[in-house]
Protein backbone atom coordinates (compact mmCIF):
# COMPACT_ATOMS: atom_id res chain seq x y z
CA VAL A 1 204.37 189.68 -87.51
CA ARG A 2 203.72 189.23 -91.21
CA GLY A 3 203.07 185.58 -91.90
CA LEU A 4 202.00 184.71 -88.35
CA TYR A 5 198.37 185.60 -88.97
CA PRO A 6 196.18 183.97 -91.63
CA LEU A 7 194.62 187.31 -92.56
CA PRO A 8 195.80 190.92 -92.34
CA VAL A 9 194.33 193.43 -89.92
CA PRO A 10 190.66 194.10 -90.79
CA SER A 11 190.27 196.69 -93.50
CA GLU A 12 187.49 199.15 -94.22
CA SER A 13 187.88 198.33 -97.90
CA ALA A 14 184.51 197.11 -99.16
CA ASP A 15 186.16 194.65 -101.56
CA ARG A 16 188.26 193.08 -98.79
CA LEU A 17 185.29 192.85 -96.45
CA ASN A 18 183.22 191.18 -99.15
CA ARG A 19 185.98 188.66 -99.84
CA ARG A 20 186.34 187.93 -96.14
CA VAL A 21 182.59 187.34 -95.72
CA GLU A 22 182.46 185.14 -98.82
CA ALA A 23 185.36 183.04 -97.50
CA VAL A 24 183.72 182.66 -94.09
CA LEU A 25 180.37 181.63 -95.55
CA ALA A 26 182.08 179.02 -97.74
CA GLN A 27 183.82 177.27 -94.82
CA VAL A 28 182.39 173.99 -93.54
CA ARG A 29 181.21 174.17 -89.95
CA LEU A 30 178.39 173.15 -87.59
CA PRO A 31 175.00 173.39 -89.37
CA ARG A 32 173.24 176.64 -88.49
CA HIS A 33 170.03 175.10 -87.19
CA LEU A 34 172.07 173.14 -84.62
CA LEU A 35 173.95 176.31 -83.66
CA VAL A 36 170.69 178.22 -83.10
CA GLU A 37 169.32 175.32 -81.06
CA SER A 38 172.48 175.38 -78.92
CA LEU A 39 172.08 179.11 -78.29
CA LYS A 40 168.45 178.68 -77.28
CA ALA A 41 169.48 175.96 -74.84
CA SER A 42 172.14 178.29 -73.47
CA TYR A 43 169.60 181.03 -72.77
CA SER A 44 167.20 178.58 -71.21
CA GLN A 45 169.78 177.24 -68.75
CA LEU A 46 170.95 180.75 -67.91
CA GLY A 47 167.34 181.67 -67.08
CA LEU A 48 167.29 184.44 -69.70
CA ASP A 49 164.89 185.31 -72.51
CA ALA A 50 166.42 184.52 -75.89
CA PRO A 51 166.45 187.52 -78.27
CA GLU A 52 164.41 186.25 -81.23
CA ASP A 53 165.51 188.65 -83.98
CA PRO A 54 169.29 188.09 -83.66
CA LEU A 55 168.76 184.31 -83.45
CA GLU A 56 166.57 184.35 -86.54
CA LYS A 57 169.17 186.49 -88.32
CA LEU A 58 172.01 184.10 -87.36
CA GLY A 59 169.99 181.21 -88.76
CA ARG A 60 170.09 182.70 -92.26
CA PRO A 61 172.78 181.33 -94.59
CA ASP A 62 174.12 184.80 -95.51
CA THR A 63 174.78 186.04 -91.95
CA VAL A 64 178.23 186.19 -90.34
CA ALA A 65 179.14 186.75 -86.69
CA VAL A 66 181.53 189.03 -84.82
CA VAL A 67 182.54 186.98 -81.77
CA THR A 68 184.22 187.92 -78.53
CA GLY A 69 184.34 186.57 -74.97
CA GLN A 70 185.72 186.82 -71.47
CA GLN A 71 185.94 185.00 -68.14
CA VAL A 72 182.77 185.33 -66.04
CA GLY A 73 184.18 187.80 -63.51
CA LEU A 74 182.64 189.22 -60.35
CA PHE A 75 180.33 192.17 -61.19
CA GLY A 76 181.25 191.78 -64.85
CA GLY A 77 184.98 191.63 -64.22
CA PRO A 78 187.29 194.32 -65.61
CA ALA A 79 185.95 197.14 -67.79
CA LEU A 80 187.40 195.43 -70.86
CA THR A 81 184.43 193.02 -70.72
CA VAL A 82 182.11 195.83 -71.74
CA PHE A 83 184.64 197.24 -74.21
CA LYS A 84 184.88 193.88 -75.98
CA ALA A 85 181.12 193.47 -76.20
CA ALA A 86 180.66 197.05 -77.42
CA THR A 87 183.34 196.58 -80.08
CA ALA A 88 181.61 193.41 -81.33
CA VAL A 89 178.23 195.18 -81.43
CA ARG A 90 179.68 198.13 -83.34
CA ALA A 91 181.62 195.94 -85.81
CA ALA A 92 178.53 193.80 -86.55
CA ARG A 93 176.48 196.94 -87.11
CA TYR A 94 179.16 198.32 -89.44
CA LEU A 95 179.11 195.15 -91.55
CA SER A 96 175.31 195.09 -91.63
CA ASP A 97 175.18 198.72 -92.77
CA LEU A 98 177.39 197.72 -95.71
CA GLY A 99 174.87 195.05 -96.72
CA LEU A 100 176.80 192.21 -95.06
CA PRO A 101 174.39 190.83 -92.42
CA ALA A 102 176.19 190.24 -89.10
CA VAL A 103 175.36 189.56 -85.46
CA PRO A 104 177.55 190.12 -82.37
CA VAL A 105 178.17 187.10 -80.10
CA PHE A 106 179.69 187.01 -76.60
CA TRP A 107 181.25 183.70 -75.48
CA LEU A 108 181.00 183.26 -71.71
CA ALA A 109 184.18 181.46 -70.61
CA SER A 110 182.20 179.65 -67.92
CA ASN A 111 184.24 176.42 -68.16
CA ASP A 112 187.51 178.17 -67.24
CA SER A 113 188.81 176.82 -63.93
CA ASP A 114 190.95 179.83 -62.93
CA PHE A 115 188.66 180.98 -60.13
CA GLU A 116 191.28 183.33 -58.67
CA GLU A 117 191.00 185.41 -61.82
CA VAL A 118 187.24 185.90 -61.56
CA ARG A 119 186.41 186.00 -57.85
CA LYS A 120 187.71 189.53 -57.23
CA THR A 121 187.37 192.97 -58.72
CA HIS A 122 188.15 196.48 -57.55
CA PHE A 123 186.53 199.90 -57.29
CA VAL A 124 187.85 203.38 -56.59
CA ASN A 125 186.23 205.08 -53.59
CA ARG A 126 185.61 208.77 -53.01
CA SER A 127 189.06 209.20 -51.43
CA GLY A 128 190.81 207.82 -54.48
CA ASP A 129 191.74 204.50 -52.86
CA LEU A 130 191.66 201.37 -55.00
CA LEU A 131 189.79 198.77 -52.93
CA ASP A 132 189.50 195.07 -53.74
CA LEU A 133 186.22 193.20 -53.43
CA GLU A 134 186.22 189.43 -53.50
CA VAL A 135 184.15 186.43 -52.58
CA PRO A 136 185.81 183.62 -50.61
CA ASP A 137 187.01 180.52 -52.41
CA LEU A 138 184.75 177.81 -51.01
CA ARG A 139 185.22 175.30 -53.83
CA PRO A 140 185.68 171.71 -52.63
CA ARG A 141 188.30 171.20 -55.38
CA GLU A 142 190.33 173.64 -57.44
CA GLU A 143 189.24 171.82 -60.61
CA GLN A 144 185.71 173.24 -60.28
CA MET A 145 184.88 175.44 -63.27
CA ALA A 146 184.47 179.10 -62.36
CA GLY A 147 181.08 179.52 -63.98
CA THR A 148 179.51 176.84 -61.75
CA VAL A 149 180.61 178.42 -58.45
CA PRO A 150 177.60 179.70 -56.45
CA LEU A 151 177.42 183.31 -55.23
CA HIS A 152 176.32 182.52 -51.67
CA SER A 153 178.67 185.12 -50.15
CA VAL A 154 178.17 187.93 -52.66
CA SER A 155 175.90 189.87 -50.28
CA GLN A 156 178.95 190.98 -48.28
CA CYS A 157 180.42 192.62 -51.39
CA LEU A 158 177.11 194.27 -52.25
CA ASP A 159 176.83 195.62 -48.69
CA LEU A 160 180.29 197.17 -48.99
CA LEU A 161 179.41 198.80 -52.31
CA SER A 162 176.28 200.37 -50.84
CA SER A 163 177.90 201.35 -47.51
CA PRO A 164 178.23 205.15 -47.02
CA GLU A 165 181.35 204.55 -44.92
CA GLN A 166 183.19 202.98 -47.86
CA GLY A 167 182.49 206.03 -50.05
CA PHE A 168 181.79 204.35 -53.40
CA ASP A 169 180.01 206.88 -55.61
CA LEU A 170 177.75 204.38 -57.36
CA THR A 171 174.34 205.54 -58.50
CA GLU A 172 171.20 203.81 -57.30
CA SER A 173 170.61 202.36 -60.76
CA VAL A 174 174.06 200.73 -60.83
CA LEU A 175 173.65 199.28 -57.34
CA LYS A 176 170.21 197.97 -58.27
CA LEU A 177 171.59 196.36 -61.43
CA LEU A 178 174.36 194.57 -59.51
CA GLN A 179 171.96 193.46 -56.76
CA GLU A 180 169.48 192.06 -59.28
CA THR A 181 172.03 190.22 -61.42
CA TYR A 182 174.54 189.08 -58.78
CA SER A 183 172.06 187.37 -56.51
CA PRO A 184 173.16 184.92 -53.75
CA THR A 185 170.91 182.34 -55.42
CA SER A 186 172.79 182.55 -58.73
CA ASP A 187 176.22 181.36 -59.85
CA PHE A 188 179.01 183.17 -61.68
CA ARG A 189 177.90 182.32 -65.23
CA GLY A 190 174.23 183.10 -64.55
CA ALA A 191 175.01 186.46 -62.95
CA PHE A 192 177.54 187.44 -65.60
CA GLY A 193 175.12 186.53 -68.39
CA ALA A 194 172.27 188.44 -66.76
CA LEU A 195 174.45 191.54 -66.40
CA LEU A 196 175.51 191.51 -70.06
CA ALA A 197 171.95 190.80 -71.23
CA THR A 198 170.72 193.85 -69.29
CA LEU A 199 173.53 196.20 -70.33
CA PHE A 200 173.19 195.34 -74.02
CA LYS A 201 169.43 194.86 -74.20
CA GLY A 202 168.20 195.83 -77.65
CA GLU A 203 171.70 195.84 -79.17
CA GLY A 204 171.39 192.36 -80.71
CA LEU A 205 174.18 190.79 -78.62
CA LEU A 206 173.88 187.00 -78.40
CA LEU A 207 175.29 185.14 -75.38
CA PHE A 208 176.86 181.71 -75.73
CA ASP A 209 177.56 179.54 -72.67
CA PRO A 210 179.63 176.44 -73.57
CA LEU A 211 178.58 174.64 -70.37
CA SER A 212 174.93 174.64 -71.37
CA SER A 213 175.28 174.66 -75.16
CA LEU A 214 177.84 172.12 -76.35
CA ASP A 215 176.15 168.77 -76.78
CA GLY A 216 178.81 166.05 -77.12
CA SER A 217 177.28 164.30 -80.11
CA ARG A 218 177.35 167.58 -82.07
CA MET A 219 181.04 167.96 -81.34
CA THR A 220 182.24 164.66 -82.78
CA SER A 221 183.05 166.03 -86.24
CA PHE A 222 185.12 168.84 -84.72
CA LEU A 223 186.89 166.67 -82.14
CA ALA A 224 187.78 163.83 -84.51
CA PRO A 225 190.87 165.62 -85.94
CA VAL A 226 191.96 166.65 -82.43
CA ILE A 227 192.01 163.02 -81.34
CA ASP A 228 192.91 161.18 -84.56
CA ARG A 229 195.63 163.64 -85.65
CA ARG A 230 196.94 164.65 -82.24
CA ASP A 231 200.57 164.01 -83.18
CA GLU A 232 200.28 166.22 -86.27
CA LEU A 233 198.64 169.04 -84.27
CA VAL A 234 201.39 168.92 -81.65
CA GLU A 235 204.11 168.92 -84.32
CA ALA A 236 202.50 171.90 -86.09
CA SER A 237 202.27 173.74 -82.76
CA PHE A 238 205.94 173.14 -81.97
CA GLU A 239 206.93 174.39 -85.43
CA ARG A 240 204.88 177.55 -84.91
CA LEU A 241 206.47 178.04 -81.47
CA GLU A 242 209.93 177.91 -83.01
CA GLU A 243 208.87 180.42 -85.67
CA ILE A 244 207.45 182.81 -83.07
CA GLN A 245 210.55 182.59 -80.89
CA GLY A 246 212.78 182.99 -83.94
CA ARG A 247 211.07 186.29 -84.64
CA GLY A 248 211.79 187.48 -81.11
CA PHE A 249 208.30 187.01 -79.65
CA ALA A 250 207.40 185.14 -76.47
CA PRO A 251 204.72 182.43 -76.89
CA GLN A 252 201.52 183.10 -74.93
CA VAL A 253 200.57 179.44 -74.38
CA LYS A 254 203.08 176.72 -73.55
CA ILE A 255 202.61 173.15 -74.72
CA GLY A 256 204.38 169.87 -73.95
CA GLU A 257 204.84 166.45 -75.51
CA MET A 258 201.70 165.15 -73.74
CA GLU A 259 199.49 167.96 -75.10
CA THR A 260 195.99 167.02 -76.29
CA PHE A 261 194.44 170.53 -76.47
CA LEU A 262 191.52 169.13 -74.46
CA PHE A 263 190.05 169.05 -70.95
CA TRP A 264 187.91 166.30 -69.47
CA GLN A 265 184.69 167.49 -67.80
CA ASP A 266 183.02 165.65 -64.96
CA GLY A 267 179.98 167.52 -63.71
CA LYS A 268 181.22 170.85 -62.33
CA TYR A 269 184.88 169.83 -62.57
CA ARG A 270 187.42 170.03 -65.37
CA TYR A 271 190.71 168.11 -65.67
CA LYS A 272 193.51 168.33 -68.23
CA LEU A 273 193.66 165.46 -70.70
CA ASP A 274 197.20 164.18 -71.32
CA TYR A 275 198.44 161.79 -73.98
CA GLN A 276 200.79 159.13 -72.68
CA SER A 277 201.69 155.60 -73.84
CA GLY A 278 199.15 155.69 -76.65
CA LYS A 279 196.21 156.71 -74.47
CA PHE A 280 194.32 159.82 -73.44
CA ARG A 281 194.59 160.04 -69.66
CA VAL A 282 192.76 162.33 -67.22
CA ARG A 283 195.33 164.17 -65.11
CA GLY A 284 194.69 163.53 -61.42
CA LEU A 285 192.31 160.63 -62.14
CA PRO A 286 194.63 157.76 -63.19
CA SER A 287 191.82 155.21 -63.48
CA ILE A 288 190.23 157.13 -66.38
CA HIS A 289 191.97 156.59 -69.71
CA PHE A 290 190.97 155.82 -73.31
CA THR A 291 192.38 155.04 -76.69
CA GLY A 292 191.49 157.61 -79.32
CA ALA A 293 188.72 155.44 -80.76
CA GLU A 294 187.26 154.79 -77.31
CA LEU A 295 187.26 158.49 -76.45
CA LEU A 296 185.51 159.47 -79.68
CA LYS A 297 182.89 156.77 -79.15
CA GLN A 298 182.21 158.03 -75.62
CA ILE A 299 181.90 161.62 -76.86
CA ASP A 300 179.58 160.65 -79.71
CA SER A 301 177.30 158.70 -77.37
CA GLY A 302 177.19 161.54 -74.84
CA GLU A 303 178.84 159.46 -72.11
CA ALA A 304 181.95 161.69 -72.07
CA ARG A 305 182.30 165.44 -72.31
CA VAL A 306 185.43 167.37 -73.22
CA SER A 307 186.21 171.07 -73.73
CA PRO A 308 188.96 172.88 -75.65
CA SER A 309 192.17 174.33 -74.24
CA ALA A 310 193.07 178.01 -74.64
CA LEU A 311 194.73 177.30 -78.00
CA LEU A 312 191.88 175.24 -79.40
CA ARG A 313 188.97 177.41 -78.19
CA PRO A 314 189.33 180.07 -80.94
CA VAL A 315 189.27 177.28 -83.53
CA LEU A 316 186.12 175.79 -81.99
CA GLN A 317 184.62 179.27 -81.89
CA GLU A 318 185.27 179.64 -85.63
CA TYR A 319 183.88 176.13 -86.29
CA LEU A 320 180.64 176.90 -84.46
CA PHE A 321 180.11 180.47 -85.64
CA PRO A 322 180.63 181.95 -89.11
CA ALA A 323 182.95 184.51 -87.56
CA ALA A 324 184.02 187.35 -89.82
CA TYR A 325 186.17 188.56 -86.93
CA ALA A 326 186.97 187.70 -83.33
CA VAL A 327 187.30 190.76 -81.07
CA THR A 328 190.40 190.20 -78.96
CA GLY A 329 192.46 191.85 -76.26
CA PRO A 330 196.24 192.33 -76.55
CA ALA A 331 197.18 188.93 -75.08
CA GLU A 332 194.60 187.10 -77.21
CA THR A 333 195.74 188.86 -80.36
CA SER A 334 199.24 187.65 -79.51
CA TYR A 335 198.31 184.01 -79.03
CA TYR A 336 196.25 184.01 -82.24
CA ALA A 337 199.66 183.76 -83.89
CA GLN A 338 199.89 180.28 -82.32
CA VAL A 339 196.27 179.35 -83.06
CA GLY A 340 196.68 179.73 -86.81
CA SER A 341 198.75 176.55 -87.06
CA LEU A 342 195.82 174.56 -85.63
CA ALA A 343 193.00 176.20 -87.59
CA GLU A 344 194.50 174.91 -90.82
CA PHE A 345 193.51 171.34 -89.86
CA TRP A 346 189.84 172.36 -90.26
CA ASN A 347 190.53 174.58 -93.29
CA LEU A 348 189.48 177.57 -91.19
CA GLU A 349 190.94 181.07 -91.34
CA LEU A 350 190.76 183.22 -88.22
CA SER A 351 191.05 186.98 -88.10
CA ALA A 352 191.50 188.99 -84.90
CA LEU A 353 189.99 192.45 -84.48
CA PRO A 354 191.64 194.31 -81.54
CA ARG A 355 189.05 195.60 -79.10
CA SER A 356 188.50 199.28 -78.55
CA GLY A 357 190.00 200.67 -75.36
CA PHE A 358 188.84 203.58 -73.24
CA THR A 359 189.89 205.45 -70.14
CA LEU A 360 187.01 207.11 -68.32
CA VAL A 361 187.92 210.28 -66.42
CA ASP A 362 185.46 211.50 -63.79
CA ARG A 363 184.84 215.15 -62.91
CA LYS A 364 187.18 215.14 -59.92
CA CYS A 365 190.08 213.82 -62.00
CA GLN A 366 189.27 216.31 -64.74
CA ARG A 367 189.62 219.15 -62.23
CA LEU A 368 192.93 217.79 -60.98
CA LEU A 369 194.27 217.41 -64.51
CA GLU A 370 193.35 221.03 -65.24
CA GLN A 371 194.84 222.22 -61.95
CA TYR A 372 198.22 220.62 -62.68
CA ARG A 373 198.12 221.28 -66.44
CA LEU A 374 198.13 217.58 -67.31
CA ASN A 375 196.29 215.34 -69.71
CA PRO A 376 195.33 211.67 -69.16
CA CYS A 377 198.32 210.45 -71.18
CA ASP A 378 200.65 212.17 -68.68
CA VAL A 379 199.23 209.87 -65.99
CA MET A 380 199.62 206.65 -68.00
CA GLN A 381 203.27 206.08 -67.17
CA PRO A 382 204.82 202.81 -66.00
CA ASP A 383 207.06 204.62 -63.50
CA SER A 384 205.06 205.53 -60.39
CA GLY A 385 207.31 208.54 -59.70
CA SER A 386 207.01 210.11 -63.15
CA LEU A 387 203.69 211.84 -62.50
CA LEU A 388 205.00 213.53 -59.36
CA GLU A 389 208.06 214.65 -61.25
CA LYS A 390 206.00 216.11 -64.08
CA ILE A 391 203.94 218.13 -61.62
CA LEU A 392 206.92 219.33 -59.59
CA LEU A 393 208.73 220.44 -62.74
CA ARG A 394 205.92 222.95 -63.23
CA GLU A 395 205.93 224.10 -59.60
CA GLU A 396 208.51 225.99 -57.54
CA GLU A 397 210.63 222.83 -57.29
CA GLY A 398 211.05 222.85 -61.06
CA ASP A 399 214.22 225.02 -61.04
CA THR A 400 215.96 222.65 -58.63
CA LEU A 401 215.00 219.59 -60.67
CA GLU A 402 216.26 221.28 -63.84
CA LYS A 403 219.58 222.03 -62.11
CA MET A 404 219.84 218.37 -61.10
CA SER A 405 219.23 217.30 -64.70
CA GLU A 406 221.86 219.73 -65.96
CA THR A 407 224.37 218.47 -63.38
CA THR A 408 223.73 214.85 -64.36
CA ASP A 409 224.18 215.66 -68.05
CA GLN A 410 227.40 217.57 -67.33
CA VAL A 411 228.82 214.72 -65.23
CA ARG A 412 227.95 212.21 -67.94
CA GLY A 413 229.57 214.43 -70.60
CA HIS A 414 232.79 215.03 -68.62
CA LEU A 415 233.18 211.34 -67.82
CA GLU A 416 232.64 210.37 -71.45
CA HIS A 417 235.26 212.93 -72.52
CA LEU A 418 237.72 211.51 -69.96
CA ARG A 419 237.03 207.92 -71.08
CA GLN A 420 237.83 208.77 -74.68
CA HIS A 421 241.26 210.02 -73.57
CA LEU A 422 241.92 207.02 -71.31
CA SER A 423 240.83 204.21 -73.64
CA PRO A 424 243.82 204.36 -76.05
CA GLN A 425 246.31 204.52 -73.14
CA ASP A 426 244.86 202.08 -70.58
CA HIS A 427 241.59 200.29 -71.33
CA THR A 428 241.45 198.74 -67.84
CA ILE A 429 241.26 202.20 -66.27
CA ALA A 430 238.63 203.18 -68.85
CA ASP A 431 236.56 200.15 -67.81
CA MET A 432 236.98 201.12 -64.16
CA LEU A 433 235.74 204.61 -65.01
CA GLU A 434 232.64 203.13 -66.68
CA THR A 435 231.81 201.23 -63.49
CA SER A 436 232.34 204.36 -61.41
CA GLU A 437 230.09 206.34 -63.74
CA ARG A 438 227.19 203.95 -63.14
CA LYS A 439 227.61 204.37 -59.38
CA ILE A 440 227.84 208.17 -59.60
CA LEU A 441 224.73 208.43 -61.79
CA TYR A 442 222.89 206.05 -59.48
CA GLN A 443 223.65 208.27 -56.48
CA LEU A 444 222.57 211.39 -58.35
CA GLN A 445 219.27 209.75 -59.25
CA LYS A 446 218.87 208.68 -55.63
CA VAL A 447 219.29 212.31 -54.51
CA ARG A 448 216.70 213.38 -57.11
CA ASN A 449 214.19 210.75 -55.96
CA ARG A 450 214.64 211.76 -52.32
CA PHE A 451 214.08 215.43 -53.20
CA ILE A 452 210.82 214.51 -54.98
CA LEU A 453 209.70 212.39 -52.04
CA ASN A 454 210.46 215.08 -49.46
CA SER A 455 208.71 217.72 -51.56
CA THR A 456 205.63 215.51 -51.70
CA ARG A 457 205.63 214.94 -47.94
CA ARG A 458 205.59 218.69 -47.39
CA ARG A 459 202.55 218.98 -49.64
CA GLU A 460 199.98 216.48 -48.43
CA ALA A 461 197.31 217.62 -50.89
CA LEU A 462 199.63 216.95 -53.84
CA ALA A 463 200.35 213.41 -52.65
CA ARG A 464 196.63 212.76 -52.25
CA HIS A 465 195.85 214.15 -55.70
CA VAL A 466 198.55 212.05 -57.36
CA LYS A 467 197.23 208.91 -55.64
CA ASN A 468 193.74 209.69 -56.85
CA LEU A 469 194.87 210.22 -60.44
CA GLU A 470 197.05 207.10 -60.50
CA ASN A 471 194.42 204.84 -58.94
CA TYR A 472 191.55 206.08 -61.06
CA VAL A 473 193.11 206.89 -64.42
CA LEU A 474 196.14 204.59 -64.48
CA ARG A 475 195.12 201.43 -62.62
CA SER A 476 191.34 201.13 -62.76
CA HIS A 477 190.84 201.10 -66.55
CA PRO A 478 192.33 198.66 -69.07
CA ARG A 479 193.65 200.11 -72.30
CA LEU A 480 195.24 198.88 -75.48
């Protein structure tokens, strides 16, 4: 990936960190007093108390930020939300301890319109079952931004979490926290923000909500290149796509000839902006279209509001915040390779810091791991049958499975020996033998799988324990 990222992976070298901070502080971006004002407005609209010390610290000219973000998911969304925030807090503290003042910032992706991604989450119950919880999709239009969706039906989810029949082992303090933050009178962004503010109280984490913070007139200087140099941005993006594909990587974000990197916002709704026949056109609303000059004028006057696409958001994030690093997940780190081609138009350099990942193992799973002589890494396998096989290999079925493996290896060896003799004499027969070998090995594997399945059926406790381990350790926690 060398060359795809503007900066190398973050280093603990003091000299490199100093150079990075100096470069960030020298970049031209939104004036700090306007940024602090935007954050205060964000807290006010979220109904939260603004943390004074971190805001005052961010207002100083020598302070950098460590920024991260996530969609505003139900009950905080996946565990990676907390992992990202914790990584940003720790990285900012590390820089500050070195004499490089830094504050952690969490960007609430409240203007994302993928409601399916945020309206559900899952918990493991006492029996080891992975159960989904979700609120119904009652949006009048799919273009409604997820953060603006009210939580009128969230009480049903809270009742399930507190129900003894469901068997969720949540403590009273956790239930109380979810009930207080995810109130039926709130919406997704308000609840999500309240949860993070409570979890990270006293840690200096600042929350940024683009829906309540980004005043259009303050965005004109950033949006001017997006609109005036759209053709150049698209060309640079296509060139980067070719480079990524040429290196054997799959692009994370697709773009087309009509790409503008922008969305049009109308109240609670967001629509893609396309560029066609010399005009910026709102997809799905054909009567709304502008020339570039007209669109910029509307934005500057506050009459129109636009938001960045997935590719442009990291650049806007860097423009608003003096970000030493952006804490990213695996997919985000991947698409930062695409973002770099856009950041150059603002003379900005982005650097991604991969988030920390954790797998939490409760006492019950710890006992099961000890019982079967396993460790958590044994459970983290893509093949659902591999864990059963590992356990059975250490039980009385292990001898039979070893014999099956030996037989398969012997068959493969004999057939390879025979093919070497046949190939010089008749390559068509050798090819036929290769096809037959695949079928023979397939049948042997089928016999092995059936043996494992039947062994599990005879041992109900084992099947239950494996399900518990897979649901809790493998599926319920994100990892790098």
